[in-house]
């Protein structure tokens, strides 16, 4: 089935699309506050619609976050990433330039949703570049240090979780984790590595994670929850 766009009363623009690789219905909210719904082939479109309606409060909350974030972005905003400094300035048109490690993003209208989406696109591209450059090497080092084995690592931007580990020990990492302090990035990597041995979040999982985090697994988990994949 091709993508279908529906306009809902409170939510606004919602795009529905079937994904042969999906196992569950997934909701995401874009910077322009439009909603994307991906669902498996065995789910009927009306079921996907019902899922959106059921989760309307969550969608509206995410849209408010997007609105707040767009308000927070003003001329002169600077973002320090692991490898770059991003400067957001007023310009005649939407553009991005790099000089050394400094990337300057120019936008013409800070109240325009297309401009906010442009900023998000560039910043996400920078995080993706840094994630691909830094995360595979770091998780490899941690795996060797603590005796874990995994199959392969992929970098994605799903805005739903920080990482996951499949039954075959393929580890997926969210590029958005590049926003986090280094110690929390390491915690997420160790969290997924423990899942190569323990496939749930039971007592054995937390016991193993505590062994390699100096007994701070729960504390670090609480710190991670303070961050959102939706913030710059």
Protein backbone atom coordinates (compact mmCIF):
# COMPACT_ATOMS: atom_id res chain seq x y z
CA UNK A 1 0.00 0.00 0.00
CA UNK A 2 1.25 3.48 -0.86
CA UNK A 3 1.49 6.14 1.82
CA UNK A 4 -1.78 7.80 2.70
CA UNK A 5 -2.06 11.29 4.17
CA UNK A 6 -4.96 12.07 6.49
CA UNK A 7 -5.85 15.33 8.20
CA UNK A 8 -7.06 14.74 11.75
CA UNK A 9 -8.97 17.38 13.72
CA UNK A 10 -6.66 17.91 16.69
CA UNK A 11 -3.44 16.35 15.45
CA UNK A 12 -3.25 17.72 11.91
CA UNK A 13 -1.37 16.00 9.07
CA UNK A 14 -0.80 12.25 9.57
CA UNK A 15 0.99 10.06 7.02
CA UNK A 16 0.25 6.31 7.17
CA UNK A 17 2.55 3.80 5.48
CA UNK A 18 2.88 0.03 5.58
CA UNK A 19 6.35 -1.37 6.18
CA UNK A 20 7.08 -5.02 5.43
CA UNK A 21 9.88 -5.04 8.03
CA UNK A 22 7.78 -3.56 10.84
CA UNK A 23 6.59 -5.78 13.67
CA UNK A 24 4.58 -3.12 15.48
CA UNK A 25 2.80 0.14 14.80
CA UNK A 26 5.23 3.03 15.23
CA UNK A 27 4.41 6.70 15.77
CA UNK A 28 6.80 9.59 15.29
CA UNK A 29 6.42 13.36 15.20
CA UNK A 30 8.47 15.45 12.76
CA UNK A 31 9.88 18.91 13.50
CA UNK A 32 7.04 20.48 11.49
CA UNK A 33 4.67 18.66 13.93
CA UNK A 34 3.30 16.34 11.25
CA UNK A 35 2.90 12.70 12.30
CA UNK A 36 4.30 9.57 10.66
CA UNK A 37 2.66 6.19 11.26
CA UNK A 38 4.43 3.02 10.12
CA UNK A 39 2.64 -0.29 10.52
CA UNK A 40 3.12 -3.98 9.52
CA UNK A 41 1.43 -5.53 6.49
CA UNK A 42 -0.82 -7.66 8.72
CA UNK A 43 -2.32 -4.59 10.41
CA UNK A 44 -5.35 -3.02 8.74
CA UNK A 45 -5.27 0.74 8.05
CA UNK A 46 -8.28 1.27 10.30
CA UNK A 47 -6.38 -0.42 13.15
CA UNK A 48 -3.46 1.95 12.58
CA UNK A 49 -5.89 4.87 12.67
CA UNK A 50 -7.38 3.61 15.93
CA UNK A 51 -3.87 3.39 17.37
CA UNK A 52 -3.26 7.05 16.56
CA UNK A 53 -6.55 8.10 18.13
CA UNK A 54 -5.77 6.04 21.23
CA UNK A 55 -2.39 7.76 21.55
CA UNK A 56 -3.62 11.26 20.71
CA UNK A 57 -2.48 12.69 24.06
CA UNK A 58 1.06 11.42 23.47
CA UNK A 59 1.12 12.89 19.95
CA UNK A 60 -0.13 16.28 21.18
CA UNK A 61 2.51 16.26 23.91
CA UNK A 62 5.27 15.62 21.35
CA UNK A 63 3.90 18.38 19.12
CA UNK A 64 4.09 20.77 22.08
CA UNK A 65 7.72 19.74 22.56
CA UNK A 66 8.39 20.53 18.92
CA UNK A 67 6.73 23.91 19.29
CA UNK A 68 8.76 24.69 22.42
CA UNK A 69 11.96 23.64 20.70
CA UNK A 70 11.29 25.83 17.68
CA UNK A 71 10.66 28.76 20.03
CA UNK A 72 13.96 28.07 21.81
CA UNK A 73 15.95 28.27 18.57
CA UNK A 74 16.94 31.90 18.01
CA UNK A 75 19.66 33.73 16.07
CA UNK A 76 22.93 33.08 17.86
CA UNK A 77 21.99 29.63 19.18
CA UNK A 78 25.11 27.46 19.51
CA UNK A 79 25.29 23.68 19.91
CA UNK A 80 28.46 21.91 21.04
CA UNK A 81 28.62 18.37 19.66
CA UNK A 82 31.35 15.81 20.25
CA UNK A 83 33.34 16.93 17.19
CA UNK A 84 31.81 20.21 16.01
CA UNK A 85 30.39 23.56 17.04
CA UNK A 86 27.11 24.45 15.36
CA UNK A 87 26.08 28.10 15.06
CA UNK A 88 22.57 29.07 13.99
CA UNK A 89 22.26 32.55 12.52
CA UNK A 90 19.86 34.77 10.59
CA UNK A 91 20.43 34.75 6.84
CA UNK A 92 18.82 35.63 3.55
CA UNK A 93 18.09 31.97 2.80
CA UNK A 94 18.31 28.53 4.40
CA UNK A 95 21.92 27.45 4.01
CA UNK A 96 24.72 25.62 5.81
CA UNK A 97 28.49 26.17 5.59
CA UNK A 98 31.48 24.57 7.28
CA UNK A 99 34.80 26.13 8.25
CA UNK A 100 37.03 23.73 10.11
CA UNK A 101 35.02 22.23 12.95
CA UNK A 102 32.49 25.08 12.94
CA UNK A 103 29.25 24.59 11.02
CA UNK A 104 27.07 27.66 10.46
CA UNK A 105 23.40 27.14 9.70
CA UNK A 106 21.62 30.17 8.25
CA UNK A 107 17.83 30.43 8.14
CA UNK A 108 15.69 33.25 6.83
CA UNK A 109 12.73 32.95 9.21
CA UNK A 110 12.96 31.47 12.70
CA UNK A 111 9.17 31.21 12.95
CA UNK A 112 8.84 29.24 9.73
CA UNK A 113 8.29 25.47 10.14
CA UNK A 114 10.33 24.74 7.00
CA UNK A 115 13.28 26.61 8.52
CA UNK A 116 13.01 24.65 11.77
CA UNK A 117 12.82 21.42 9.76
CA UNK A 118 15.93 22.53 7.82
CA UNK A 119 17.86 23.08 11.05
CA UNK A 120 16.77 19.67 12.32
CA UNK A 121 17.87 18.02 9.07
CA UNK A 122 21.37 19.53 9.23
CA UNK A 123 21.85 18.86 12.95
CA UNK A 124 20.66 15.26 12.52
CA UNK A 125 23.12 14.79 9.65
CA UNK A 126 25.94 15.99 11.91
CA UNK A 127 24.92 13.66 14.72
CA UNK A 128 24.71 10.78 12.21
CA UNK A 129 28.23 11.49 10.95
CA UNK A 130 29.62 11.63 14.48
CA UNK A 131 27.73 8.52 15.57
CA UNK A 132 29.09 6.48 12.67
CA UNK A 133 32.59 7.74 13.35
CA UNK A 134 32.63 7.24 17.13
CA UNK A 135 30.10 4.67 18.32
CA UNK A 136 31.21 1.46 16.50
CA UNK A 137 34.76 1.88 17.77
CA UNK A 138 33.62 2.68 21.32
CA UNK A 139 31.25 -0.28 21.63
CA UNK A 140 33.98 -2.54 20.24
CA UNK A 141 36.38 -1.34 22.95
CA UNK A 142 33.78 -1.88 25.69
CA UNK A 143 32.90 -5.35 24.37
CA UNK A 144 36.56 -6.39 24.45
CA UNK A 145 37.06 -4.91 27.92
CA UNK A 146 34.11 -6.76 29.49
CA UNK A 147 34.04 -9.91 27.37
CA UNK A 148 30.89 -9.39 25.27
CA UNK A 149 30.31 -10.60 21.73
CA UNK A 150 27.89 -9.09 19.21
CA UNK A 151 27.33 -9.55 15.49
CA UNK A 152 27.06 -6.09 13.94
CA UNK A 153 26.19 -2.49 14.79
CA UNK A 154 23.86 -0.19 12.87
CA UNK A 155 23.20 3.52 13.39
CA UNK A 156 19.62 4.77 13.05
CA UNK A 157 17.42 7.74 13.85
CA UNK A 158 14.20 6.32 15.25
CA UNK A 159 13.44 8.92 17.97
CA UNK A 160 11.85 6.15 20.06
CA UNK A 161 14.66 4.55 22.05
CA UNK A 162 18.38 4.93 22.55
CA UNK A 163 19.30 1.45 21.37
CA UNK A 164 18.24 -2.17 20.94
CA UNK A 165 19.73 -5.66 20.66
CA UNK A 166 18.15 -8.35 18.48
CA UNK A 167 17.88 -12.06 19.18
CA UNK A 168 20.89 -12.53 16.86
CA UNK A 169 22.91 -9.95 18.83
CA UNK A 170 22.71 -7.25 16.19
CA UNK A 171 22.91 -3.94 18.02
CA UNK A 172 21.06 -0.85 16.76
CA UNK A 173 22.09 2.53 18.15
CA UNK A 174 20.17 5.78 17.93
CA UNK A 175 22.30 8.59 16.51
CA UNK A 176 20.46 10.97 18.87
CA UNK A 177 22.50 9.55 21.76
CA UNK A 178 25.36 11.75 20.53
CA UNK A 179 23.65 14.58 22.44
CA UNK A 180 24.32 12.85 25.74
CA UNK A 181 27.31 13.14 28.09
CA UNK A 182 30.00 10.56 27.40
CA UNK A 183 29.28 8.57 30.57
CA UNK A 184 25.63 8.13 29.51
CA UNK A 185 26.63 7.11 25.99
CA UNK A 186 28.84 4.43 27.55
CA UNK A 187 25.96 3.36 29.79
CA UNK A 188 23.66 2.85 26.78
CA UNK A 189 26.35 0.89 24.94
CA UNK A 190 26.90 -1.32 27.99
CA UNK A 191 23.14 -1.71 28.40
CA UNK A 192 22.86 -3.14 24.89
CA UNK A 193 25.96 -5.30 25.32
CA UNK A 194 24.42 -6.90 28.41
CA UNK A 195 21.40 -7.74 26.25
CA UNK A 196 23.68 -10.00 24.19
CA UNK A 197 23.72 -12.22 27.29
CA UNK A 198 20.39 -11.42 28.97
CA UNK A 199 17.41 -10.73 26.69
CA UNK A 200 15.18 -9.10 29.29
CA UNK A 201 15.32 -6.54 32.10
CA UNK A 202 15.07 -9.03 34.94
CA UNK A 203 17.29 -9.26 38.05
CA UNK A 204 20.10 -11.03 36.17
CA UNK A 205 20.23 -8.18 33.64
CA UNK A 206 20.62 -5.49 36.31
CA UNK A 207 23.08 -7.62 38.26
CA UNK A 208 25.31 -7.97 35.20
CA UNK A 209 24.99 -4.28 34.32
CA UNK A 210 25.86 -3.29 37.88
CA UNK A 211 29.03 -5.38 37.66
CA UNK A 212 30.35 -3.20 34.83
CA UNK A 213 29.03 0.19 36.00
CA UNK A 214 30.37 0.17 39.57
CA UNK A 215 26.91 -0.56 40.92
CA UNK A 216 25.41 2.54 39.28
CA UNK A 217 23.16 0.93 36.65
CA UNK A 218 19.87 2.22 38.06
CA UNK A 219 21.33 5.65 38.77
CA UNK A 220 22.60 5.97 35.20
CA UNK A 221 19.28 4.73 33.82
CA UNK A 222 17.50 7.52 35.72
CA UNK A 223 19.93 10.09 34.32
CA UNK A 224 19.28 8.94 30.75
CA UNK A 225 15.53 9.36 31.26
CA UNK A 226 16.06 13.07 31.85
CA UNK A 227 17.04 13.46 28.20
CA UNK A 228 14.77 13.32 25.18
CA UNK A 229 15.60 12.22 21.63
CA UNK A 230 13.50 15.19 20.48
CA UNK A 231 15.74 17.96 21.81
CA UNK A 232 18.71 19.49 20.04
